[in-house]
Amino acid sequence: MKYLFGILFAAIVFSSCSNDGEQKKAALPKPNAKEQVAVFAGGCFWGLQEGFSELKGVSKATSGYAGGTKDNPTYEEVSADRTGHAESVQIIYNPNVISFSQLLEAFFVMHDPTQLNRQGPDLGTSYRSVAFYSDETEKKQIEEAILKYNRAKLHSEAVVTEIKPLEKFYPAEEYHQNYYRLHPDEGYITNVCGPKVQKLRLALPNLLQDEYK
């Protein structure tokens, strides 16, 4: 659907998004002893990666795939909904600077958690909303956040975000990493990813690194 949306806005989506043969996967960064890892899925990972990268306490955000059944899936396989994975972002962060609950808040601000198997123009299970947890404490925080949003009726529909244990995160191909910053003038970036990042900046300036406030 990225390609169709790009056509509607008379923009050409980066050519490497098509299958031009085997693409090299990015290296998966590892947290240091003081850091923790969180993974979220909420539509195209280009915008989410940028948004999480702008938060204080986040040392690295990586685009990738999680929640599926196939080992080391490719972008083409995930986009065709053949693996069960969702486009996801792994966040490495310092819990002494930003908490998991604050990351959750940013996650829910950036995307629409009421859309089932889609985000805006992007359709398919690979674009579904998922909050992954590593332990029961994180699971409880996700459940409480969803309950809060539903009770507050911040959306006209109920939140459909999946809550899943984090089993494996696979980094996406290198050309997907930092795509937002490398291709700021593309139609898809300006019209789909850009508004997500702007929502974050406007809604949660207290969580941003100084240069993004």
N, C-alpha and C. Protein backbone atom coordinates (compact mmCIF):
# COMPACT_ATOMS: atom_id res chain seq x y z
N MET A 1 0.82 -1.21 0.00
CA MET A 1 0.00 0.00 0.00
C MET A 1 0.85 1.26 0.00
N LYS A 2 2.12 1.19 0.46
CA LYS A 2 2.97 2.37 0.41
C LYS A 2 3.09 2.87 -1.01
N TYR A 3 3.18 1.94 -1.96
CA TYR A 3 3.38 2.32 -3.35
C TYR A 3 2.15 3.03 -3.90
N LEU A 4 0.95 2.51 -3.59
CA LEU A 4 -0.28 3.12 -4.06
C LEU A 4 -0.45 4.52 -3.48
N PHE A 5 -0.11 4.65 -2.21
CA PHE A 5 -0.23 5.96 -1.58
C PHE A 5 0.74 6.95 -2.21
N GLY A 6 1.92 6.47 -2.52
CA GLY A 6 2.91 7.34 -3.15
C GLY A 6 2.44 7.83 -4.49
N ILE A 7 1.77 6.97 -5.24
CA ILE A 7 1.25 7.37 -6.55
C ILE A 7 0.18 8.43 -6.38
N LEU A 8 -0.68 8.26 -5.38
CA LEU A 8 -1.74 9.23 -5.16
C LEU A 8 -1.19 10.62 -4.90
N PHE A 9 -0.03 10.67 -4.28
CA PHE A 9 0.58 11.96 -3.98
C PHE A 9 1.67 12.31 -4.98
N ALA A 10 1.66 11.64 -6.11
CA ALA A 10 2.62 11.90 -7.18
C ALA A 10 4.05 11.82 -6.68
N ALA A 11 4.30 10.84 -5.82
CA ALA A 11 5.64 10.66 -5.27
C ALA A 11 6.12 9.28 -5.63
N ILE A 12 7.42 9.14 -5.75
CA ILE A 12 8.01 7.84 -6.05
C ILE A 12 8.63 7.30 -4.79
N VAL A 13 8.13 6.16 -4.34
CA VAL A 13 8.69 5.54 -3.15
C VAL A 13 10.02 4.91 -3.51
N PHE A 14 10.95 4.97 -2.61
CA PHE A 14 12.32 4.51 -2.83
C PHE A 14 12.35 3.17 -3.55
N SER A 15 13.09 3.08 -4.62
CA SER A 15 13.02 1.92 -5.50
C SER A 15 13.43 0.63 -4.84
N SER A 16 14.25 0.69 -3.79
CA SER A 16 14.69 -0.55 -3.16
C SER A 16 13.58 -1.19 -2.35
N CYS A 17 12.43 -0.56 -2.23
CA CYS A 17 11.30 -1.20 -1.56
C CYS A 17 10.75 -2.35 -2.40
N SER A 18 11.05 -2.36 -3.68
CA SER A 18 10.67 -3.49 -4.51
C SER A 18 11.72 -4.58 -4.36
N ASN A 19 11.41 -5.76 -4.83
CA ASN A 19 12.32 -6.89 -4.66
C ASN A 19 13.39 -6.88 -5.73
N ASP A 20 14.53 -6.30 -5.41
CA ASP A 20 15.64 -6.24 -6.36
C ASP A 20 16.68 -7.30 -6.04
N GLY A 21 16.23 -8.41 -5.50
CA GLY A 21 17.16 -9.44 -5.10
C GLY A 21 17.37 -9.39 -3.59
N GLU A 22 18.26 -10.22 -3.10
CA GLU A 22 18.47 -10.31 -1.66
C GLU A 22 19.07 -9.01 -1.12
N GLN A 23 18.47 -8.49 -0.07
CA GLN A 23 18.93 -7.27 0.57
C GLN A 23 19.59 -7.61 1.89
N LYS A 24 20.65 -6.89 2.21
CA LYS A 24 21.41 -7.15 3.43
C LYS A 24 20.63 -6.69 4.65
N LYS A 25 20.55 -7.55 5.67
CA LYS A 25 19.88 -7.19 6.90
C LYS A 25 20.79 -6.30 7.76
N ALA A 26 20.18 -5.41 8.51
CA ALA A 26 20.93 -4.56 9.42
C ALA A 26 21.39 -5.38 10.62
N ALA A 27 22.45 -4.91 11.24
CA ALA A 27 22.92 -5.55 12.47
C ALA A 27 21.98 -5.17 13.61
N LEU A 28 21.76 -6.09 14.52
CA LEU A 28 20.87 -5.83 15.64
C LEU A 28 21.69 -5.31 16.83
N PRO A 29 21.47 -4.04 17.22
CA PRO A 29 22.23 -3.50 18.35
C PRO A 29 21.83 -4.16 19.66
N LYS A 30 22.76 -4.18 20.59
CA LYS A 30 22.52 -4.79 21.88
C LYS A 30 22.55 -3.73 22.98
N PRO A 31 21.71 -3.85 23.98
CA PRO A 31 21.74 -2.88 25.09
C PRO A 31 22.95 -3.10 25.99
N ASN A 32 23.38 -2.02 26.64
CA ASN A 32 24.44 -2.19 27.63
C ASN A 32 23.81 -2.59 28.96
N ALA A 33 24.63 -2.71 29.99
CA ALA A 33 24.16 -3.23 31.27
C ALA A 33 23.10 -2.35 31.92
N LYS A 34 23.08 -1.05 31.59
CA LYS A 34 22.13 -0.13 32.21
C LYS A 34 20.87 0.07 31.37
N GLU A 35 20.81 -0.55 30.23
CA GLU A 35 19.70 -0.32 29.31
C GLU A 35 18.73 -1.50 29.25
N GLN A 36 17.53 -1.20 28.75
CA GLN A 36 16.51 -2.22 28.54
C GLN A 36 15.99 -2.13 27.11
N VAL A 37 15.20 -3.13 26.72
CA VAL A 37 14.68 -3.20 25.35
C VAL A 37 13.16 -3.24 25.37
N ALA A 38 12.54 -2.51 24.45
CA ALA A 38 11.10 -2.56 24.26
C ALA A 38 10.83 -2.68 22.76
N VAL A 39 9.73 -3.32 22.40
CA VAL A 39 9.36 -3.48 20.99
C VAL A 39 7.88 -3.17 20.82
N PHE A 40 7.60 -2.34 19.80
CA PHE A 40 6.22 -1.97 19.48
C PHE A 40 5.99 -2.04 17.98
N ALA A 41 4.76 -2.30 17.59
CA ALA A 41 4.36 -2.31 16.18
C ALA A 41 3.12 -1.43 16.03
N GLY A 42 3.18 -0.50 15.08
CA GLY A 42 2.05 0.40 14.89
C GLY A 42 2.02 0.99 13.51
N GLY A 43 1.97 0.12 12.50
CA GLY A 43 2.00 0.60 11.12
C GLY A 43 3.41 0.63 10.59
N CYS A 44 3.62 1.40 9.53
CA CYS A 44 4.94 1.47 8.90
C CYS A 44 6.02 1.82 9.92
N PHE A 45 7.09 1.04 9.92
CA PHE A 45 8.13 1.27 10.93
C PHE A 45 8.98 2.51 10.66
N TRP A 46 8.93 3.08 9.48
CA TRP A 46 9.74 4.27 9.20
C TRP A 46 9.41 5.42 10.15
N GLY A 47 8.13 5.71 10.34
CA GLY A 47 7.73 6.80 11.22
C GLY A 47 7.95 6.49 12.68
N LEU A 48 7.61 5.27 13.10
CA LEU A 48 7.79 4.89 14.50
C LEU A 48 9.26 4.93 14.89
N GLN A 49 10.13 4.46 14.00
CA GLN A 49 11.56 4.48 14.32
C GLN A 49 12.04 5.91 14.57
N GLU A 50 11.62 6.84 13.72
CA GLU A 50 12.02 8.23 13.91
C GLU A 50 11.46 8.78 15.22
N GLY A 51 10.19 8.54 15.48
CA GLY A 51 9.59 9.07 16.69
C GLY A 51 10.28 8.59 17.94
N PHE A 52 10.51 7.29 18.04
CA PHE A 52 11.17 6.76 19.23
C PHE A 52 12.62 7.24 19.32
N SER A 53 13.26 7.46 18.18
CA SER A 53 14.65 7.94 18.17
C SER A 53 14.78 9.32 18.77
N GLU A 54 13.69 10.10 18.75
CA GLU A 54 13.73 11.47 19.24
C GLU A 54 13.48 11.58 20.74
N LEU A 55 13.17 10.47 21.40
CA LEU A 55 12.88 10.51 22.82
C LEU A 55 14.15 10.52 23.66
N LYS A 56 14.12 11.26 24.74
CA LYS A 56 15.25 11.26 25.66
C LYS A 56 15.38 9.88 26.29
N GLY A 57 16.60 9.47 26.55
CA GLY A 57 16.82 8.16 27.15
C GLY A 57 16.87 7.02 26.17
N VAL A 58 16.54 7.28 24.90
CA VAL A 58 16.61 6.24 23.87
C VAL A 58 17.94 6.34 23.15
N SER A 59 18.71 5.29 23.19
CA SER A 59 20.02 5.30 22.53
C SER A 59 19.96 4.76 21.12
N LYS A 60 18.96 3.90 20.83
CA LYS A 60 18.87 3.32 19.50
C LYS A 60 17.46 2.78 19.25
N ALA A 61 16.93 3.09 18.07
CA ALA A 61 15.66 2.50 17.61
C ALA A 61 15.93 1.83 16.28
N THR A 62 15.49 0.59 16.13
CA THR A 62 15.78 -0.21 14.95
C THR A 62 14.50 -0.74 14.33
N SER A 63 14.34 -0.55 13.03
CA SER A 63 13.18 -1.10 12.33
C SER A 63 13.37 -2.60 12.11
N GLY A 64 12.28 -3.35 12.25
CA GLY A 64 12.38 -4.79 12.06
C GLY A 64 11.04 -5.48 12.09
N TYR A 65 11.05 -6.76 12.43
CA TYR A 65 9.85 -7.58 12.37
C TYR A 65 9.71 -8.41 13.65
N ALA A 66 8.48 -8.49 14.15
CA ALA A 66 8.23 -9.28 15.36
C ALA A 66 6.80 -9.81 15.32
N GLY A 67 6.56 -10.84 16.13
CA GLY A 67 5.21 -11.36 16.29
C GLY A 67 4.80 -12.45 15.33
N GLY A 68 5.74 -12.93 14.51
CA GLY A 68 5.39 -13.94 13.52
C GLY A 68 6.01 -15.29 13.80
N THR A 69 6.01 -16.14 12.77
CA THR A 69 6.45 -17.52 12.96
C THR A 69 7.69 -17.90 12.15
N LYS A 70 8.05 -17.13 11.14
CA LYS A 70 9.18 -17.49 10.28
C LYS A 70 10.47 -16.86 10.78
N ASP A 71 11.53 -17.63 10.80
CA ASP A 71 12.82 -17.10 11.19
C ASP A 71 13.37 -16.17 10.11
N ASN A 72 13.92 -15.05 10.56
CA ASN A 72 14.62 -14.11 9.69
C ASN A 72 13.83 -13.77 8.42
N PRO A 73 12.62 -13.27 8.55
CA PRO A 73 11.79 -12.97 7.37
C PRO A 73 12.32 -11.78 6.57
N THR A 74 11.97 -11.72 5.31
CA THR A 74 12.33 -10.58 4.47
C THR A 74 11.18 -9.57 4.45
N TYR A 75 11.48 -8.38 3.98
CA TYR A 75 10.45 -7.34 3.88
C TYR A 75 9.34 -7.79 2.94
N GLU A 76 9.70 -8.41 1.83
CA GLU A 76 8.69 -8.85 0.86
C GLU A 76 7.76 -9.90 1.49
N GLU A 77 8.32 -10.83 2.27
CA GLU A 77 7.50 -11.86 2.91
C GLU A 77 6.55 -11.25 3.94
N VAL A 78 7.08 -10.34 4.74
CA VAL A 78 6.26 -9.71 5.77
C VAL A 78 5.16 -8.86 5.14
N SER A 79 5.51 -8.08 4.12
CA SER A 79 4.53 -7.21 3.46
C SER A 79 3.41 -8.00 2.79
N ALA A 80 3.72 -9.23 2.36
CA ALA A 80 2.72 -10.09 1.73
C ALA A 80 1.89 -10.85 2.76
N ASP A 81 2.11 -10.56 4.06
CA ASP A 81 1.37 -11.21 5.15
C ASP A 81 1.54 -12.73 5.12
N ARG A 82 2.76 -13.18 4.80
CA ARG A 82 3.01 -14.62 4.73
C ARG A 82 3.70 -15.18 5.98
N THR A 83 4.10 -14.31 6.91
CA THR A 83 4.90 -14.78 8.04
C THR A 83 4.26 -14.53 9.40
N GLY A 84 3.22 -13.72 9.45
CA GLY A 84 2.59 -13.37 10.72
C GLY A 84 3.28 -12.25 11.46
N HIS A 85 4.39 -11.75 10.92
CA HIS A 85 5.11 -10.66 11.57
C HIS A 85 4.44 -9.32 11.32
N ALA A 86 4.70 -8.39 12.22
CA ALA A 86 4.29 -7.00 12.04
C ALA A 86 5.54 -6.13 11.91
N GLU A 87 5.44 -5.09 11.10
CA GLU A 87 6.53 -4.12 11.04
C GLU A 87 6.66 -3.51 12.44
N SER A 88 7.83 -3.63 13.03
CA SER A 88 8.02 -3.27 14.44
C SER A 88 9.28 -2.43 14.62
N VAL A 89 9.41 -1.88 15.81
CA VAL A 89 10.61 -1.11 16.15
C VAL A 89 11.12 -1.57 17.50
N GLN A 90 12.40 -1.89 17.54
CA GLN A 90 13.05 -2.22 18.82
C GLN A 90 13.68 -0.96 19.38
N ILE A 91 13.38 -0.65 20.63
CA ILE A 91 13.91 0.54 21.29
C ILE A 91 14.85 0.11 22.40
N ILE A 92 16.06 0.64 22.38
CA ILE A 92 17.01 0.45 23.49
C ILE A 92 17.02 1.74 24.29
N TYR A 93 16.71 1.63 25.57
CA TYR A 93 16.53 2.84 26.37
C TYR A 93 17.08 2.68 27.79
N ASN A 94 17.31 3.82 28.40
CA ASN A 94 17.77 3.87 29.78
C ASN A 94 16.57 4.09 30.69
N PRO A 95 16.18 3.10 31.49
CA PRO A 95 14.98 3.23 32.33
C PRO A 95 15.13 4.28 33.42
N ASN A 96 16.34 4.75 33.66
CA ASN A 96 16.54 5.83 34.63
C ASN A 96 16.22 7.19 34.03
N VAL A 97 16.05 7.23 32.70
CA VAL A 97 15.75 8.49 32.02
C VAL A 97 14.32 8.49 31.48
N ILE A 98 13.90 7.38 30.91
CA ILE A 98 12.55 7.24 30.37
C ILE A 98 12.02 5.86 30.73
N SER A 99 10.79 5.79 31.16
CA SER A 99 10.21 4.53 31.63
C SER A 99 9.49 3.79 30.51
N PHE A 100 9.21 2.52 30.76
CA PHE A 100 8.44 1.74 29.80
C PHE A 100 7.05 2.34 29.63
N SER A 101 6.45 2.83 30.69
CA SER A 101 5.12 3.42 30.59
C SER A 101 5.15 4.69 29.74
N GLN A 102 6.23 5.44 29.78
CA GLN A 102 6.36 6.63 28.93
C GLN A 102 6.55 6.25 27.47
N LEU A 103 7.28 5.18 27.22
CA LEU A 103 7.40 4.67 25.85
C LEU A 103 6.03 4.24 25.34
N LEU A 104 5.26 3.61 26.20
CA LEU A 104 3.89 3.22 25.85
C LEU A 104 3.06 4.44 25.47
N GLU A 105 3.20 5.50 26.23
CA GLU A 105 2.46 6.73 25.96
C GLU A 105 2.81 7.27 24.58
N ALA A 106 4.10 7.28 24.26
CA ALA A 106 4.54 7.75 22.94
C ALA A 106 4.00 6.85 21.84
N PHE A 107 4.00 5.56 22.08
CA PHE A 107 3.48 4.59 21.12
C PHE A 107 2.01 4.85 20.79
N PHE A 108 1.21 5.06 21.81
CA PHE A 108 -0.22 5.29 21.59
C PHE A 108 -0.50 6.65 20.97
N VAL A 109 0.36 7.62 21.19
CA VAL A 109 0.20 8.93 20.57
C VAL A 109 0.47 8.87 19.08
N MET A 110 1.51 8.12 18.69
CA MET A 110 1.97 8.16 17.30
C MET A 110 1.08 7.45 16.30
N HIS A 111 0.29 6.48 16.74
CA HIS A 111 -0.52 5.73 15.78
C HIS A 111 -1.96 5.62 16.27
N ASP A 112 -2.83 5.09 15.44
CA ASP A 112 -4.23 4.90 15.80
C ASP A 112 -4.42 3.46 16.26
N PRO A 113 -4.54 3.22 17.56
CA PRO A 113 -4.65 1.85 18.08
C PRO A 113 -6.02 1.22 17.89
N THR A 114 -6.93 1.92 17.23
CA THR A 114 -8.28 1.37 17.03
C THR A 114 -8.45 0.75 15.64
N GLN A 115 -7.45 0.88 14.78
CA GLN A 115 -7.55 0.33 13.42
C GLN A 115 -7.05 -1.11 13.40
N LEU A 116 -7.88 -2.01 12.92
CA LEU A 116 -7.53 -3.43 12.91
C LEU A 116 -6.81 -3.78 11.60
N ASN A 117 -5.60 -4.29 11.75
CA ASN A 117 -4.81 -4.75 10.60
C ASN A 117 -4.63 -3.67 9.53
N ARG A 118 -4.39 -2.44 10.01
CA ARG A 118 -4.11 -1.36 9.08
C ARG A 118 -3.63 -0.14 9.87
N GLN A 119 -3.03 0.78 9.16
CA GLN A 119 -2.77 2.12 9.66
C GLN A 119 -2.92 3.05 8.48
N GLY A 120 -3.97 3.84 8.49
CA GLY A 120 -4.20 4.77 7.38
C GLY A 120 -4.31 4.03 6.06
N PRO A 121 -3.44 4.38 5.09
CA PRO A 121 -3.53 3.78 3.76
C PRO A 121 -2.93 2.39 3.68
N ASP A 122 -2.25 1.94 4.74
CA ASP A 122 -1.55 0.65 4.71
C ASP A 122 -2.44 -0.45 5.27
N LEU A 123 -2.69 -1.47 4.47
CA LEU A 123 -3.58 -2.56 4.86
C LEU A 123 -2.82 -3.86 5.02
N GLY A 124 -3.24 -4.69 5.96
CA GLY A 124 -2.64 -6.00 6.14
C GLY A 124 -2.21 -6.22 7.58
N THR A 125 -2.05 -7.48 7.94
CA THR A 125 -1.68 -7.81 9.32
C THR A 125 -0.29 -7.31 9.68
N SER A 126 0.56 -7.07 8.70
CA SER A 126 1.90 -6.58 8.99
C SER A 126 1.87 -5.15 9.51
N TYR A 127 0.72 -4.47 9.38
CA TYR A 127 0.58 -3.10 9.87
C TYR A 127 -0.26 -3.02 11.14
N ARG A 128 -0.51 -4.15 11.78
CA ARG A 128 -1.36 -4.15 12.96
C ARG A 128 -0.64 -3.52 14.16
N SER A 129 -1.42 -3.19 15.15
CA SER A 129 -0.91 -2.58 16.38
C SER A 129 -0.60 -3.66 17.41
N VAL A 130 0.64 -3.68 17.86
CA VAL A 130 1.05 -4.68 18.86
C VAL A 130 1.98 -4.03 19.89
N ALA A 131 1.72 -4.29 21.15
CA ALA A 131 2.64 -3.92 22.22
C ALA A 131 3.22 -5.22 22.78
N PHE A 132 4.51 -5.39 22.67
CA PHE A 132 5.18 -6.61 23.13
C PHE A 132 5.69 -6.41 24.57
N TYR A 133 5.67 -7.48 25.34
CA TYR A 133 6.16 -7.40 26.71
C TYR A 133 7.22 -8.47 26.97
N SER A 134 8.13 -8.14 27.90
CA SER A 134 9.21 -9.06 28.26
C SER A 134 8.97 -9.73 29.61
N ASP A 135 8.07 -9.17 30.40
CA ASP A 135 7.75 -9.76 31.70
C ASP A 135 6.34 -9.36 32.10
N GLU A 136 5.89 -9.90 33.22
CA GLU A 136 4.52 -9.66 33.66
C GLU A 136 4.28 -8.20 34.06
N THR A 137 5.32 -7.53 34.52
CA THR A 137 5.18 -6.12 34.88
C THR A 137 4.84 -5.29 33.66
N GLU A 138 5.57 -5.52 32.56
CA GLU A 138 5.29 -4.80 31.32
C GLU A 138 3.92 -5.16 30.78
N LYS A 139 3.55 -6.42 30.87
CA LYS A 139 2.23 -6.84 30.39
C LYS A 139 1.13 -6.10 31.14
N LYS A 140 1.28 -5.98 32.46
CA LYS A 140 0.28 -5.30 33.26
C LYS A 140 0.21 -3.82 32.89
N GLN A 141 1.35 -3.20 32.63
CA GLN A 141 1.36 -1.78 32.25
C GLN A 141 0.64 -1.57 30.92
N ILE A 142 0.82 -2.48 29.98
CA ILE A 142 0.13 -2.38 28.69
C ILE A 142 -1.37 -2.53 28.88
N GLU A 143 -1.77 -3.52 29.67
CA GLU A 143 -3.19 -3.74 29.92
C GLU A 143 -3.83 -2.52 30.59
N GLU A 144 -3.12 -1.94 31.54
CA GLU A 144 -3.65 -0.77 32.24
C GLU A 144 -3.75 0.43 31.31
N ALA A 145 -2.78 0.59 30.41
CA ALA A 145 -2.80 1.70 29.46
C ALA A 145 -4.00 1.58 28.52
N ILE A 146 -4.23 0.38 28.01
CA ILE A 146 -5.36 0.17 27.10
C ILE A 146 -6.68 0.42 27.82
N LEU A 147 -6.78 -0.06 29.05
CA LEU A 147 -7.99 0.16 29.85
C LEU A 147 -8.23 1.65 30.06
N LYS A 148 -7.15 2.39 30.33
CA LYS A 148 -7.26 3.83 30.56
C LYS A 148 -7.77 4.53 29.30
N TYR A 149 -7.19 4.19 28.14
CA TYR A 149 -7.61 4.83 26.90
C TYR A 149 -9.06 4.50 26.56
N ASN A 150 -9.46 3.27 26.79
CA ASN A 150 -10.85 2.90 26.50
C ASN A 150 -11.83 3.59 27.44
N ARG A 151 -11.48 3.67 28.71
CA ARG A 151 -12.37 4.32 29.68
C ARG A 151 -12.49 5.82 29.40
N ALA A 152 -11.39 6.42 28.96
CA ALA A 152 -11.39 7.86 28.68
C ALA A 152 -12.08 8.18 27.36
N LYS A 153 -12.34 7.14 26.57
CA LYS A 153 -12.99 7.31 25.26
C LYS A 153 -12.27 8.36 24.41
N LEU A 154 -10.94 8.21 24.36
CA LEU A 154 -10.15 9.13 23.56
C LEU A 154 -10.35 8.89 22.07
N HIS A 155 -10.84 7.70 21.73
CA HIS A 155 -11.14 7.36 20.34
C HIS A 155 -12.60 6.94 20.25
N SER A 156 -13.17 7.08 19.08
CA SER A 156 -14.57 6.69 18.90
C SER A 156 -14.75 5.18 18.92
N GLU A 157 -13.66 4.44 18.65
CA GLU A 157 -13.70 2.98 18.67
C GLU A 157 -12.79 2.46 19.78
N ALA A 158 -12.95 1.18 20.11
CA ALA A 158 -12.13 0.56 21.15
C ALA A 158 -10.72 0.27 20.62
N VAL A 159 -9.76 0.28 21.52
CA VAL A 159 -8.38 -0.05 21.18
C VAL A 159 -8.28 -1.53 20.84
N VAL A 160 -7.62 -1.83 19.71
CA VAL A 160 -7.48 -3.23 19.28
C VAL A 160 -6.02 -3.70 19.33
N THR A 161 -5.19 -2.95 20.00
CA THR A 161 -3.77 -3.30 20.11
C THR A 161 -3.59 -4.69 20.72
N GLU A 162 -2.82 -5.53 20.06
CA GLU A 162 -2.50 -6.85 20.60
C GLU A 162 -1.48 -6.72 21.72
N ILE A 163 -1.57 -7.62 22.67
CA ILE A 163 -0.58 -7.71 23.75
C ILE A 163 0.09 -9.07 23.62
N LYS A 164 1.37 -9.06 23.26
CA LYS A 164 2.05 -10.33 22.98
C LYS A 164 3.40 -10.39 23.67
N PRO A 165 3.80 -11.59 24.10
CA PRO A 165 5.15 -11.73 24.66
C PRO A 165 6.19 -11.55 23.56
N LEU A 166 7.28 -10.91 23.90
CA LEU A 166 8.35 -10.70 22.93
C LEU A 166 9.19 -11.97 22.84
N GLU A 167 9.06 -12.67 21.74
CA GLU A 167 9.81 -13.91 21.55
C GLU A 167 11.07 -13.69 20.71
N LYS A 168 10.93 -12.94 19.63
CA LYS A 168 12.08 -12.71 18.76
C LYS A 168 11.85 -11.45 17.93
N PHE A 169 12.88 -10.64 17.85
CA PHE A 169 12.85 -9.45 16.98
C PHE A 169 13.92 -9.61 15.92
N TYR A 170 13.53 -9.43 14.66
CA TYR A 170 14.48 -9.52 13.55
C TYR A 170 14.68 -8.15 12.94
N PRO A 171 15.91 -7.67 12.84
CA PRO A 171 16.14 -6.37 12.21
C PRO A 171 15.76 -6.40 10.74
N ALA A 172 15.21 -5.32 10.25
CA ALA A 172 14.87 -5.22 8.83
C ALA A 172 16.11 -4.95 8.00
N GLU A 173 15.93 -4.94 6.71
CA GLU A 173 17.02 -4.69 5.79
C GLU A 173 17.64 -3.31 6.04
N GLU A 174 18.90 -3.16 5.68
CA GLU A 174 19.62 -1.92 5.96
C GLU A 174 18.93 -0.70 5.37
N TYR A 175 18.33 -0.84 4.19
CA TYR A 175 17.76 0.34 3.55
C TYR A 175 16.52 0.87 4.28
N HIS A 176 15.98 0.09 5.21
CA HIS A 176 14.83 0.56 6.00
C HIS A 176 15.27 1.38 7.22
N GLN A 177 16.52 1.27 7.61
CA GLN A 177 16.98 1.94 8.82
C GLN A 177 17.15 3.44 8.58
N ASN A 178 16.60 4.23 9.50
CA ASN A 178 16.66 5.70 9.41
C ASN A 178 16.10 6.22 8.09
N TYR A 179 15.12 5.51 7.56
CA TYR A 179 14.54 5.87 6.26
C TYR A 179 13.92 7.26 6.30
N TYR A 180 13.28 7.60 7.40
CA TYR A 180 12.63 8.91 7.55
C TYR A 180 13.64 10.04 7.35
N ARG A 181 14.80 9.90 7.97
CA ARG A 181 15.81 10.97 7.89
C ARG A 181 16.53 10.99 6.54
N LEU A 182 16.66 9.84 5.93
CA LEU A 182 17.38 9.76 4.66
C LEU A 182 16.53 10.18 3.47
N HIS A 183 15.19 10.12 3.61
CA HIS A 183 14.30 10.44 2.49
C HIS A 183 13.18 11.39 2.95
N PRO A 184 13.53 12.55 3.49
CA PRO A 184 12.53 13.43 4.09
C PRO A 184 11.53 14.02 3.11
N ASP A 185 11.85 14.05 1.83
CA ASP A 185 10.98 14.71 0.86
C ASP A 185 10.07 13.75 0.10
N GLU A 186 10.15 12.46 0.39
CA GLU A 186 9.27 11.51 -0.29
C GLU A 186 7.81 11.75 0.12
N GLY A 187 6.90 11.53 -0.81
CA GLY A 187 5.49 11.74 -0.54
C GLY A 187 4.98 10.93 0.63
N TYR A 188 5.39 9.67 0.72
CA TYR A 188 4.90 8.83 1.81
C TYR A 188 5.42 9.33 3.16
N ILE A 189 6.67 9.76 3.18
CA ILE A 189 7.25 10.26 4.42
C ILE A 189 6.53 11.53 4.87
N THR A 190 6.34 12.47 3.97
CA THR A 190 5.74 13.75 4.35
C THR A 190 4.26 13.62 4.68
N ASN A 191 3.55 12.70 4.04
CA ASN A 191 2.11 12.63 4.19
C ASN A 191 1.62 11.57 5.19
N VAL A 192 2.42 10.55 5.46
CA VAL A 192 2.00 9.49 6.38
C VAL A 192 2.88 9.47 7.63
N CYS A 193 4.18 9.38 7.45
CA CYS A 193 5.09 9.29 8.60
C CYS A 193 5.24 10.63 9.31
N GLY A 194 5.32 11.70 8.53
CA GLY A 194 5.51 13.02 9.12
C GLY A 194 4.46 13.40 10.15
N PRO A 195 3.17 13.22 9.84
CA PRO A 195 2.14 13.55 10.83
C PRO A 195 2.26 12.76 12.12
N LYS A 196 2.71 11.51 12.04
CA LYS A 196 2.89 10.71 13.25
C LYS A 196 3.95 11.32 14.15
N VAL A 197 5.06 11.70 13.55
CA VAL A 197 6.16 12.29 14.31
C VAL A 197 5.74 13.64 14.88
N GLN A 198 4.99 14.42 14.10
CA GLN A 198 4.52 15.72 14.57
C GLN A 198 3.58 15.57 15.76
N LYS A 199 2.72 14.56 15.71
CA LYS A 199 1.80 14.31 16.82
C LYS A 199 2.59 14.07 18.10
N LEU A 200 3.64 13.29 17.99
CA LEU A 200 4.47 13.00 19.16
C LEU A 200 5.12 14.27 19.69
N ARG A 201 5.69 15.07 18.80
CA ARG A 201 6.38 16.29 19.22
C ARG A 201 5.43 17.27 19.91
N LEU A 202 4.21 17.37 19.40
CA LEU A 202 3.25 18.30 19.96
C LEU A 202 2.65 17.79 21.27
N ALA A 203 2.40 16.49 21.34
CA ALA A 203 1.71 15.93 22.50
C ALA A 203 2.61 15.70 23.70
N LEU A 204 3.88 15.32 23.44
CA LEU A 204 4.76 14.93 24.54
C LEU A 204 6.12 15.62 24.47
N PRO A 205 6.16 16.94 24.45
CA PRO A 205 7.45 17.65 24.34
C PRO A 205 8.36 17.36 25.53
N ASN A 206 7.78 17.02 26.68
CA ASN A 206 8.59 16.74 27.86
C ASN A 206 9.40 15.45 27.72
N LEU A 207 9.04 14.60 26.77
CA LEU A 207 9.78 13.34 26.58
C LEU A 207 10.83 13.44 25.48
N LEU A 208 10.87 14.56 24.80
CA LEU A 208 11.78 14.70 23.66
C LEU A 208 13.18 15.12 24.07
N GLN A 209 14.16 14.71 23.27
CA GLN A 209 15.50 15.28 23.39
C GLN A 209 15.41 16.76 23.05
N ASP A 210 16.28 17.56 23.59
CA ASP A 210 16.19 19.01 23.46
C ASP A 210 16.14 19.47 22.00
N GLU A 211 16.87 18.82 21.11
CA GLU A 211 16.94 19.28 19.72
C GLU A 211 15.63 19.09 18.97
N TYR A 212 14.69 18.32 19.50
CA TYR A 212 13.42 18.07 18.81
C TYR A 212 12.25 18.82 19.44
N LYS A 213 12.50 19.57 20.50
CA LYS A 213 11.41 20.30 21.16
C LYS A 213 11.02 21.54 20.35
